[in-house]
Amino acid sequence: MSSHNNRNGFSRRQLLRGLGLGAATLPLLQAELARSSCLAVAPKRVILVFWCNGINNQGSWAPVGGGALPGYLASLEPHRSDLVFMRGVTFQNLRDTPNPQKADNAGHGATPAVWTGTRYADLRPFHEEAGGPSLDHHISAEWKKQGKYDRGPLHLGVRHEGYQLSWRGARDAAPPDNDPFHAFDTLFGSVTPSGQPDPAFEQLRQARKSVLDRVAGDLTRLCQNLGTEDRARCDAHLQSVRELEMQLQATNVGACDKLQLTRGFNPKADDGTEKAFQAQLDIAVAALASDAARIATITFGNEGNNHIVPTWLGIKPVGDSGGIGDSNSHHSIAHSGDARKLKLDGWHYQQMANLIERLKTTKEADGTRMLDNTVLVVANCQETGGGHGTAKVPWILAGNSGGYFRTGQAIQADFQHTDVLNAVCEAVGVGIEGYTQPEYRGVLAALKA
């Protein structure tokens, strides 16, 4: 430990423990020369967001060559120069998978294919398994081989159940954490390393309520002794953590079984779904900004979302409509393609606009925006809610990943979804050997700057 911290009588490790942050965050505050040189250049990051049911059944996608965005995409207009709209995505790996038992190989059944580059290992009715790793695990494993980063991807979900999107390898699913409280506490230190609630959880939480104020003097002295780059990262990280902690501390969380906790919102209920999605997106940004993770997946619902009624938009349950859920479920609304679908699509893209704004306003140590060093891929598993097509699926890419991607455009040519995923690999310095099968190793040239 460097001597300047000992002179203050306040070590970096003590600070982190006081804040309730784990050892994984220590690299942020390493002021030694070797660490400073690493932090001077922002790392590449990847965020993968998914929801199902396509876009609305009426209206257009982003027009090629400019023109106003349709109403449900209007929230993205301020960020248009940082975006690529794609309406030609095809899940060829699913189409090529033998399907003797007539499983769902269109629309919702494309969910396990979304982030993968191989044909399915198993395609049976309601039992669909990927044949290889998903993009997040492939990139993470390659980064580890290269000595760039040795932590795995962060998986966050919102009422996810059913078909999986993240895979460590063939038939080896990696389900997301659907509980933002647990995800936050695991990342920032309120549970034990095993993931079980800390017996002193409530005592620690109460002690931490004002800890940022109480250590302000020591923190100021510590940051003054850090290099410019480290200081900026430290300040940005603590601000993000404080915002999240203040949000989640407003709930009454006790040191008991998580299922019995009284919270400010219930992430398993319709009326808590919006807040859960927003919390998971905020957690992902904070984790990547603090280098607690460099790649994150956020999954909203499952392959059909017949269990989610968007009550936060004023749409109430009205009763069962058969296999597609309540008549006002996301699934049923998608099949109808009416004004409710437009409203729900608009809400989804508004959440993405908010996420992009966070990435644009979060500054890196080198003065760049976090978005400049990040690629965000917003994916769907089908073209429209009622048609279930797996061609011309709407995707959006945001951020240029250090100048690799040519943003500010719309692409409507037909291409395999792996052409996009392979480009993401290239952008972050990762090969595709072992990720995609030979017939899926193209790269979408139009994406490149």
Protein backbone atom coordinates (compact mmCIF):
# COMPACT_ATOMS: atom_id res chain seq x y z
CA MET A 1 0.00 0.00 0.00
CA SER A 2 1.39 3.42 -0.91
CA SER A 3 2.68 5.63 1.87
CA HIS A 4 0.42 8.61 1.18
CA ASN A 5 -2.60 6.60 2.25
CA ASN A 6 -0.87 5.55 5.45
CA ARG A 7 -0.09 9.19 6.22
CA ASN A 8 -3.79 9.92 6.11
CA GLY A 9 -4.43 6.97 8.39
CA PHE A 10 -7.15 5.88 5.98
CA SER A 11 -6.43 3.08 3.54
CA ARG A 12 -8.17 2.38 0.28
CA ARG A 13 -9.26 -1.00 1.60
CA GLN A 14 -10.74 0.63 4.73
CA LEU A 15 -12.64 3.09 2.59
CA LEU A 16 -14.09 0.32 0.46
CA ARG A 17 -15.09 -1.67 3.50
CA GLY A 18 -16.78 1.39 4.98
CA LEU A 19 -18.72 1.89 1.80
CA GLY A 20 -19.69 -1.77 1.70
CA LEU A 21 -17.83 -2.34 -1.56
CA GLY A 22 -16.08 -5.60 -2.32
CA ALA A 23 -12.48 -6.31 -3.22
CA ALA A 24 -13.46 -6.42 -6.88
CA THR A 25 -13.63 -2.63 -6.81
CA LEU A 26 -10.05 -2.18 -5.56
CA PRO A 27 -8.56 -1.68 -9.05
CA LEU A 28 -10.46 1.61 -9.31
CA LEU A 29 -8.43 3.12 -6.53
CA GLN A 30 -4.98 1.80 -7.32
CA ALA A 31 -2.78 4.88 -7.50
CA GLU A 32 0.47 3.08 -8.23
CA LEU A 33 2.04 3.95 -11.59
CA ALA A 34 1.15 0.67 -13.27
CA ARG A 35 -2.51 0.95 -12.35
CA SER A 36 -2.66 4.62 -13.27
CA SER A 37 -1.40 3.89 -16.75
CA CYS A 38 -4.11 1.25 -17.20
CA LEU A 39 -6.94 3.50 -16.06
CA ALA A 40 -5.83 6.41 -18.23
CA VAL A 41 -7.45 4.65 -21.20
CA ALA A 42 -11.09 3.64 -20.79
CA PRO A 43 -11.74 -0.08 -21.41
CA LYS A 44 -14.11 -1.44 -24.04
CA ARG A 45 -17.52 -2.45 -22.70
CA VAL A 46 -20.57 -4.28 -24.01
CA ILE A 47 -24.24 -4.03 -22.98
CA LEU A 48 -26.82 -6.45 -24.41
CA VAL A 49 -30.52 -5.69 -23.89
CA PHE A 50 -33.38 -7.94 -24.99
CA TRP A 51 -37.15 -7.94 -25.04
CA CYS A 52 -39.58 -9.94 -27.18
CA ASN A 53 -42.64 -9.44 -29.40
CA GLY A 54 -41.13 -7.34 -32.18
CA ILE A 55 -42.17 -3.79 -32.98
CA ASN A 56 -45.69 -2.55 -33.59
CA ASN A 57 -47.68 -4.14 -36.38
CA GLN A 58 -48.33 -0.77 -37.92
CA GLY A 59 -46.05 2.15 -38.74
CA SER A 60 -42.53 2.13 -40.06
CA TRP A 61 -39.04 1.55 -38.72
CA ALA A 62 -36.31 4.19 -38.86
CA PRO A 63 -36.19 5.48 -42.45
CA VAL A 64 -33.02 5.05 -44.47
CA GLY A 65 -31.51 8.40 -45.44
CA GLY A 66 -33.09 10.45 -42.68
CA GLY A 67 -36.60 11.66 -42.05
CA ALA A 68 -38.47 11.80 -38.80
CA LEU A 69 -38.52 8.75 -36.58
CA PRO A 70 -41.97 7.22 -35.98
CA GLY A 71 -43.64 8.21 -32.74
CA TYR A 72 -42.70 5.15 -30.73
CA LEU A 73 -39.01 5.87 -31.49
CA ALA A 74 -39.24 9.62 -30.90
CA SER A 75 -37.38 9.42 -27.58
CA LEU A 76 -34.28 8.27 -29.48
CA GLU A 77 -34.19 11.31 -31.78
CA PRO A 78 -31.69 13.26 -29.59
CA HIS A 79 -29.31 10.29 -29.77
CA ARG A 80 -29.71 9.52 -33.45
CA SER A 81 -26.09 10.33 -34.34
CA ASP A 82 -24.98 7.64 -31.87
CA LEU A 83 -27.32 4.93 -33.21
CA VAL A 84 -27.61 2.34 -35.95
CA PHE A 85 -31.15 1.19 -36.75
CA MET A 86 -31.28 -2.27 -38.31
CA ARG A 87 -34.36 -3.92 -39.84
CA GLY A 88 -32.94 -6.93 -41.63
CA VAL A 89 -31.83 -9.25 -38.85
CA THR A 90 -32.38 -12.97 -39.57
CA PHE A 91 -31.79 -15.88 -37.17
CA GLN A 92 -30.30 -18.25 -39.69
CA ASN A 93 -28.80 -20.51 -37.04
CA LEU A 94 -32.29 -21.30 -35.78
CA ARG A 95 -33.63 -21.81 -39.31
CA ASP A 96 -30.82 -24.27 -40.02
CA THR A 97 -31.45 -26.37 -36.91
CA PRO A 98 -33.23 -29.68 -37.68
CA ASN A 99 -36.73 -29.64 -36.24
CA PRO A 100 -38.29 -33.11 -36.53
CA GLN A 101 -40.57 -32.60 -33.54
CA LYS A 102 -42.01 -29.33 -34.87
CA ALA A 103 -40.77 -27.18 -32.02
CA ASP A 104 -41.16 -23.42 -32.01
CA ASN A 105 -38.48 -22.48 -34.54
CA ALA A 106 -39.84 -19.02 -35.29
CA GLY A 107 -40.59 -15.90 -33.29
CA HIS A 108 -40.43 -16.75 -29.61
CA GLY A 109 -38.35 -19.84 -30.26
CA ALA A 110 -35.53 -17.61 -31.54
CA THR A 111 -34.79 -16.44 -28.01
CA PRO A 112 -31.90 -18.90 -27.34
CA ALA A 113 -30.44 -17.90 -30.71
CA VAL A 114 -30.31 -14.17 -30.04
CA TRP A 115 -26.78 -13.94 -28.61
CA THR A 116 -25.42 -17.25 -29.97
CA GLY A 117 -23.63 -18.18 -33.21
CA THR A 118 -24.33 -21.90 -33.63
CA ARG A 119 -27.26 -24.12 -34.44
CA TYR A 120 -29.23 -25.35 -31.44
CA ALA A 121 -28.01 -28.37 -29.49
CA ASP A 122 -31.60 -29.30 -28.72
CA LEU A 123 -34.79 -28.17 -30.44
CA ARG A 124 -37.85 -29.82 -28.97
CA PRO A 125 -41.19 -28.33 -27.96
CA PHE A 126 -40.59 -26.11 -24.93
CA HIS A 127 -37.06 -27.43 -24.57
CA GLU A 128 -34.65 -25.38 -26.62
CA GLU A 129 -30.94 -25.22 -25.85
CA ALA A 130 -28.13 -23.35 -27.53
CA GLY A 131 -25.28 -25.22 -29.18
CA GLY A 132 -22.50 -22.96 -27.97
CA PRO A 133 -21.63 -19.93 -25.81
CA SER A 134 -23.53 -16.67 -26.06
CA LEU A 135 -21.76 -13.47 -27.03
CA ASP A 136 -21.31 -12.27 -23.47
CA HIS A 137 -19.59 -15.45 -22.31
CA HIS A 138 -17.49 -15.75 -25.44
CA ILE A 139 -16.14 -12.20 -25.13
CA SER A 140 -15.57 -12.61 -21.40
CA ALA A 141 -13.62 -15.86 -21.90
CA GLU A 142 -11.50 -14.34 -24.67
CA TRP A 143 -10.72 -11.24 -22.63
CA LYS A 144 -9.57 -13.52 -19.83
CA LYS A 145 -7.28 -15.44 -22.21
CA GLN A 146 -5.82 -12.13 -23.39
CA GLY A 147 -5.20 -11.01 -19.81
CA LYS A 148 -7.50 -8.02 -20.25
CA TYR A 149 -10.17 -8.91 -17.72
CA ASP A 150 -10.84 -11.92 -15.55
CA ARG A 151 -14.41 -11.43 -14.35
CA GLY A 152 -17.41 -12.95 -16.02
CA PRO A 153 -20.42 -11.16 -17.51
CA LEU A 154 -23.12 -9.58 -15.40
CA HIS A 155 -26.59 -11.09 -15.98
CA LEU A 156 -29.61 -8.99 -14.95
CA GLY A 157 -33.23 -9.85 -15.61
CA VAL A 158 -36.69 -8.42 -15.19
CA ARG A 159 -39.24 -11.16 -14.50
CA HIS A 160 -37.30 -13.49 -16.75
CA GLU A 161 -38.41 -17.10 -16.99
CA GLY A 162 -38.55 -19.64 -19.77
CA TYR A 163 -36.09 -19.78 -22.68
CA GLN A 164 -32.57 -18.64 -21.82
CA LEU A 165 -30.42 -16.09 -23.65
CA SER A 166 -27.02 -16.39 -21.96
CA TRP A 167 -25.02 -19.61 -22.29
CA ARG A 168 -21.63 -20.56 -20.92
CA GLY A 169 -21.51 -23.24 -23.60
CA ALA A 170 -23.69 -25.82 -25.31
CA ARG A 171 -26.68 -26.73 -23.10
CA ASP A 172 -25.17 -24.72 -20.21
CA ALA A 173 -27.48 -21.81 -19.48
CA ALA A 174 -26.60 -18.80 -17.30
CA PRO A 175 -29.91 -17.41 -15.97
CA PRO A 176 -30.08 -13.73 -14.97
CA ASP A 177 -30.65 -12.30 -11.51
CA ASN A 178 -34.25 -11.01 -11.51
CA ASP A 179 -33.92 -9.23 -8.17
CA PRO A 180 -32.30 -5.77 -8.44
CA PHE A 181 -31.89 -5.66 -4.68
CA HIS A 182 -29.89 -8.88 -4.66
CA ALA A 183 -27.93 -7.84 -7.74
CA PHE A 184 -27.03 -4.51 -6.19
CA ASP A 185 -26.10 -6.04 -2.85
CA THR A 186 -23.98 -8.72 -4.51
CA LEU A 187 -22.09 -6.18 -6.59
CA PHE A 188 -21.65 -3.62 -3.88
CA GLY A 189 -21.18 -5.75 -0.81
CA SER A 190 -24.37 -6.34 1.21
CA VAL A 191 -24.34 -10.12 0.95
CA THR A 192 -21.70 -12.71 1.66
CA PRO A 193 -19.52 -14.05 -1.19
CA SER A 194 -21.73 -17.14 -1.39
CA GLY A 195 -24.67 -14.93 -2.26
CA GLN A 196 -26.48 -15.58 1.05
CA PRO A 197 -27.79 -12.66 3.10
CA ASP A 198 -25.24 -11.35 5.55
CA PRO A 199 -26.38 -11.98 9.17
CA ALA A 200 -25.45 -8.38 9.97
CA PHE A 201 -27.11 -7.08 6.82
CA GLU A 202 -29.56 -4.67 8.45
CA GLN A 203 -26.94 -3.34 10.85
CA LEU A 204 -24.56 -2.68 7.98
CA ARG A 205 -27.28 -1.06 5.91
CA GLN A 206 -28.23 1.28 8.72
CA ALA A 207 -24.59 2.16 9.31
CA ARG A 208 -24.11 2.90 5.63
CA LYS A 209 -27.04 5.29 5.32
CA SER A 210 -24.85 8.28 6.05
CA VAL A 211 -21.43 6.74 5.53
CA LEU A 212 -20.70 8.77 2.41
CA ASP A 213 -21.23 11.98 4.40
CA ARG A 214 -19.23 10.74 7.37
CA VAL A 215 -16.21 9.81 5.30
CA ALA A 216 -16.35 12.88 3.06
CA GLY A 217 -13.29 14.44 4.67
CA ASP A 218 -11.23 11.27 4.44
CA LEU A 219 -12.45 10.65 0.90
CA THR A 220 -11.46 14.14 -0.16
CA ARG A 221 -7.93 13.67 1.18
CA LEU A 222 -7.69 10.26 -0.47
CA CYS A 223 -8.81 11.55 -3.86
CA GLN A 224 -6.37 14.44 -3.66
CA ASN A 225 -3.54 11.93 -3.43
CA LEU A 226 -4.69 10.03 -6.51
CA GLY A 227 -3.69 10.85 -10.04
CA THR A 228 -6.04 12.87 -12.21
CA GLU A 229 -7.38 9.87 -14.06
CA ASP A 230 -7.94 7.80 -10.91
CA ARG A 231 -9.62 10.73 -9.18
CA ALA A 232 -12.12 11.20 -11.98
CA ARG A 233 -12.97 7.48 -12.04
CA CYS A 234 -13.26 7.42 -8.25
CA ASP A 235 -15.61 10.40 -8.17
CA ALA A 236 -17.79 9.05 -10.98
CA HIS A 237 -17.99 5.63 -9.37
CA LEU A 238 -18.95 6.90 -5.94
CA GLN A 239 -21.59 9.17 -7.44
CA SER A 240 -23.17 6.25 -9.30
CA VAL A 241 -23.06 4.04 -6.23
CA ARG A 242 -24.57 6.75 -4.07
CA GLU A 243 -27.45 7.28 -6.48
CA LEU A 244 -28.24 3.57 -6.48
CA GLU A 245 -27.78 3.17 -2.75
CA MET A 246 -30.08 6.07 -1.97
CA GLN A 247 -32.71 4.58 -4.29
CA LEU A 248 -32.56 1.09 -2.79
CA GLN A 249 -32.11 2.17 0.83
CA ALA A 250 -35.53 3.76 0.67
CA THR A 251 -36.91 0.24 1.04
CA ASN A 252 -37.24 -1.75 4.22
CA VAL A 253 -34.84 -4.65 3.71
CA GLY A 254 -34.10 -6.88 6.68
CA ALA A 255 -31.50 -9.52 7.43
CA CYS A 256 -33.82 -12.39 6.58
CA ASP A 257 -34.94 -14.55 3.72
CA LYS A 258 -35.13 -12.42 0.58
CA LEU A 259 -38.59 -13.72 -0.30
CA GLN A 260 -39.96 -12.34 2.98
CA LEU A 261 -38.56 -8.84 2.64
CA THR A 262 -40.75 -5.77 2.62
CA ARG A 263 -39.61 -3.52 -0.20
CA GLY A 264 -40.54 -0.27 -1.82
CA PHE A 265 -41.53 -2.21 -4.93
CA ASN A 266 -41.95 -5.86 -5.81
CA PRO A 267 -39.79 -6.79 -8.83
CA LYS A 268 -41.95 -9.88 -9.39
CA ALA A 269 -45.22 -7.98 -9.80
CA ASP A 270 -46.71 -6.03 -12.66
CA ASP A 271 -46.71 -2.80 -10.68
CA GLY A 272 -43.02 -3.22 -9.85
CA THR A 273 -41.86 -4.16 -13.35
CA GLU A 274 -41.07 -0.66 -14.57
CA LYS A 275 -39.02 0.19 -11.46
CA ALA A 276 -37.23 -3.16 -11.67
CA PHE A 277 -36.22 -2.52 -15.29
CA GLN A 278 -35.00 0.97 -14.48
CA ALA A 279 -33.07 -0.30 -11.46
CA GLN A 280 -31.39 -3.09 -13.45
CA LEU A 281 -30.33 -0.63 -16.15
CA ASP A 282 -28.91 1.71 -13.51
CA ILE A 283 -27.08 -1.17 -11.83
CA ALA A 284 -25.54 -2.17 -15.16
CA VAL A 285 -24.23 1.36 -15.78
CA ALA A 286 -22.82 1.64 -12.26
CA ALA A 287 -21.16 -1.78 -12.50
CA LEU A 288 -19.52 -0.98 -15.83
CA ALA A 289 -18.52 2.53 -14.76
CA SER A 290 -16.86 1.12 -11.63
CA ASP A 291 -15.20 -1.73 -13.55
CA ALA A 292 -17.08 -4.27 -11.46
CA ALA A 293 -18.08 -5.64 -14.87
CA ARG A 294 -17.26 -4.90 -18.50
CA ILE A 295 -20.07 -6.78 -20.16
CA ALA A 296 -23.69 -6.89 -19.01
CA THR A 297 -26.90 -8.47 -20.27
CA ILE A 298 -30.34 -7.17 -19.33
CA THR A 299 -33.30 -9.38 -20.22
CA PHE A 300 -36.83 -7.99 -19.99
CA GLY A 301 -39.29 -10.83 -19.46
CA ASN A 302 -39.06 -14.01 -21.49
CA GLU A 303 -39.72 -15.18 -25.03
CA GLY A 304 -43.41 -14.16 -25.01
CA ASN A 305 -44.22 -12.14 -21.88
CA ASN A 306 -47.72 -13.52 -21.48
CA HIS A 307 -47.13 -13.12 -17.74
CA ILE A 308 -46.52 -9.35 -17.85
CA VAL A 309 -49.36 -6.81 -17.93
CA PRO A 310 -48.01 -3.23 -18.33
CA THR A 311 -49.99 -1.74 -15.47
CA TRP A 312 -47.46 1.11 -15.18
CA LEU A 313 -48.89 2.40 -18.48
CA GLY A 314 -52.43 2.36 -17.14
CA ILE A 315 -53.24 -0.99 -18.77
CA LYS A 316 -55.00 -3.29 -16.30
CA PRO A 317 -55.54 -7.08 -16.31
CA VAL A 318 -58.91 -8.00 -17.82
CA GLY A 319 -58.87 -11.79 -17.92
CA ASP A 320 -57.34 -14.74 -19.69
CA SER A 321 -57.25 -14.96 -23.47
CA GLY A 322 -55.93 -18.48 -23.77
CA GLY A 323 -52.37 -19.40 -24.61
CA ILE A 324 -51.30 -15.81 -25.09
CA GLY A 325 -52.04 -14.84 -21.50
CA ASP A 326 -54.25 -12.12 -20.10
CA SER A 327 -55.93 -10.07 -22.82
CA ASN A 328 -53.81 -7.12 -21.73
CA SER A 329 -50.53 -9.01 -21.36
CA HIS A 330 -47.53 -7.94 -23.42
CA HIS A 331 -48.03 -11.07 -25.54
CA SER A 332 -51.71 -10.45 -26.23
CA ILE A 333 -51.09 -6.77 -26.94
CA ALA A 334 -48.35 -7.74 -29.39
CA HIS A 335 -50.76 -9.99 -31.27
CA SER A 336 -53.34 -7.23 -31.51
CA GLY A 337 -50.87 -4.64 -32.79
CA ASP A 338 -53.13 -1.79 -31.73
CA ALA A 339 -52.51 1.51 -29.94
CA ARG A 340 -51.52 -0.32 -26.76
CA LYS A 341 -48.61 -1.93 -28.62
CA LEU A 342 -47.46 1.46 -29.90
CA LYS A 343 -47.59 2.76 -26.34
CA LEU A 344 -45.63 -0.20 -24.99
CA ASP A 345 -43.04 -0.01 -27.78
CA GLY A 346 -42.60 3.68 -27.04
CA TRP A 347 -42.05 2.91 -23.36
CA HIS A 348 -39.39 0.31 -24.14
CA TYR A 349 -37.43 2.67 -26.37
CA GLN A 350 -37.79 5.46 -23.82
CA GLN A 351 -35.93 3.22 -21.36
CA MET A 352 -33.20 2.81 -23.96
CA ALA A 353 -33.06 6.57 -24.49
CA ASN A 354 -32.60 6.99 -20.73
CA LEU A 355 -29.84 4.36 -20.72
CA ILE A 356 -28.03 6.02 -23.62
CA GLU A 357 -28.29 9.39 -21.89
CA ARG A 358 -26.63 7.91 -18.81
CA LEU A 359 -23.83 6.50 -20.95
CA LYS A 360 -23.37 9.83 -22.71
CA THR A 361 -23.23 11.90 -19.53
CA THR A 362 -20.92 9.55 -17.61
CA LYS A 363 -17.39 10.79 -18.22
CA GLU A 364 -14.32 8.60 -18.42
CA ALA A 365 -10.96 9.41 -16.89
CA ASP A 366 -9.62 10.39 -20.31
CA GLY A 367 -12.45 12.84 -20.90
CA THR A 368 -14.46 10.68 -23.30
CA ARG A 369 -18.06 9.70 -22.76
CA MET A 370 -18.75 6.22 -21.48
CA LEU A 371 -20.83 5.64 -24.61
CA ASP A 372 -17.76 6.30 -26.77
CA ASN A 373 -16.11 3.18 -25.35
CA THR A 374 -19.23 1.04 -25.21
CA VAL A 375 -21.38 -0.86 -27.68
CA LEU A 376 -25.02 -1.33 -26.72
CA VAL A 377 -27.05 -3.85 -28.72
CA VAL A 378 -30.84 -3.74 -28.29
CA ALA A 379 -32.29 -6.97 -29.66
CA ASN A 380 -35.64 -8.59 -30.29
CA CYS A 381 -36.49 -12.16 -31.29
CA GLN A 382 -39.12 -11.51 -33.97
CA GLU A 383 -40.28 -9.01 -36.54
CA THR A 384 -43.82 -8.27 -35.35
CA GLY A 385 -45.88 -9.30 -32.38
CA GLY A 386 -48.39 -11.31 -34.36
CA GLY A 387 -46.37 -12.55 -37.32
CA HIS A 388 -43.54 -14.27 -35.41
CA GLY A 389 -41.18 -13.83 -38.36
CA THR A 390 -37.44 -14.27 -37.78
CA ALA A 391 -36.38 -12.14 -40.74
CA LYS A 392 -36.32 -8.33 -40.80
CA VAL A 393 -36.19 -8.32 -37.01
CA PRO A 394 -35.67 -4.82 -35.52
CA TRP A 395 -32.39 -4.24 -33.68
CA ILE A 396 -30.61 -1.08 -32.57
CA LEU A 397 -26.91 -0.56 -31.94
CA ALA A 398 -25.62 2.41 -29.92
CA GLY A 399 -22.07 3.66 -29.33
CA ASN A 400 -19.08 3.35 -31.63
CA SER A 401 -16.82 1.26 -29.36
CA GLY A 402 -13.78 3.49 -29.70
CA GLY A 403 -14.49 4.42 -33.32
CA TYR A 404 -15.20 0.96 -34.76
CA PHE A 405 -18.89 1.45 -35.62
CA ARG A 406 -20.33 3.98 -38.04
CA THR A 407 -23.32 5.34 -36.18
CA GLY A 408 -25.98 7.76 -37.37
CA GLN A 409 -27.45 5.43 -39.98
CA ALA A 410 -30.28 3.03 -40.73
CA ILE A 411 -29.69 -0.35 -42.41
CA GLN A 412 -32.54 -2.32 -43.95
CA ALA A 413 -30.65 -4.90 -46.03
CA ASP A 414 -31.17 -8.53 -45.01
CA PHE A 415 -28.35 -10.16 -43.05
CA GLN A 416 -27.71 -12.83 -40.44
CA HIS A 417 -27.82 -11.69 -36.83
CA THR A 418 -24.34 -13.17 -36.37
CA ASP A 419 -23.06 -10.52 -38.81
CA VAL A 420 -23.78 -8.03 -36.04
CA LEU A 421 -22.49 -10.17 -33.18
CA ASN A 422 -19.25 -10.91 -35.03
CA ALA A 423 -18.78 -7.18 -35.58
CA VAL A 424 -19.12 -6.65 -31.83
CA CYS A 425 -16.36 -9.22 -31.30
CA GLU A 426 -14.11 -7.36 -33.74
CA ALA A 427 -14.88 -4.05 -32.08
CA VAL A 428 -13.69 -5.28 -28.67
CA GLY A 429 -10.66 -7.14 -29.99
CA VAL A 430 -11.98 -10.68 -29.82
CA GLY A 431 -11.88 -13.40 -32.49
CA ILE A 432 -14.88 -15.55 -33.37
CA GLU A 433 -13.19 -18.95 -33.46
CA GLY A 434 -15.12 -21.23 -31.13
CA TYR A 435 -18.08 -18.88 -31.09
CA THR A 436 -19.73 -19.13 -34.49
CA GLN A 437 -19.89 -22.03 -36.90
CA PRO A 438 -18.16 -21.41 -40.26
CA GLU A 439 -21.37 -20.54 -42.12
CA TYR A 440 -22.15 -17.79 -39.61
CA ARG A 441 -18.82 -15.96 -39.60
CA GLY A 442 -19.68 -12.95 -41.72
CA VAL A 443 -19.37 -9.37 -40.48
CA LEU A 444 -21.80 -6.65 -41.56
CA ALA A 445 -19.49 -4.28 -43.44
CA ALA A 446 -22.02 -1.43 -43.33
CA LEU A 447 -21.50 -1.22 -39.57
CA LYS A 448 -17.83 -0.33 -39.82
CA ALA A 449 -16.64 3.27 -39.70
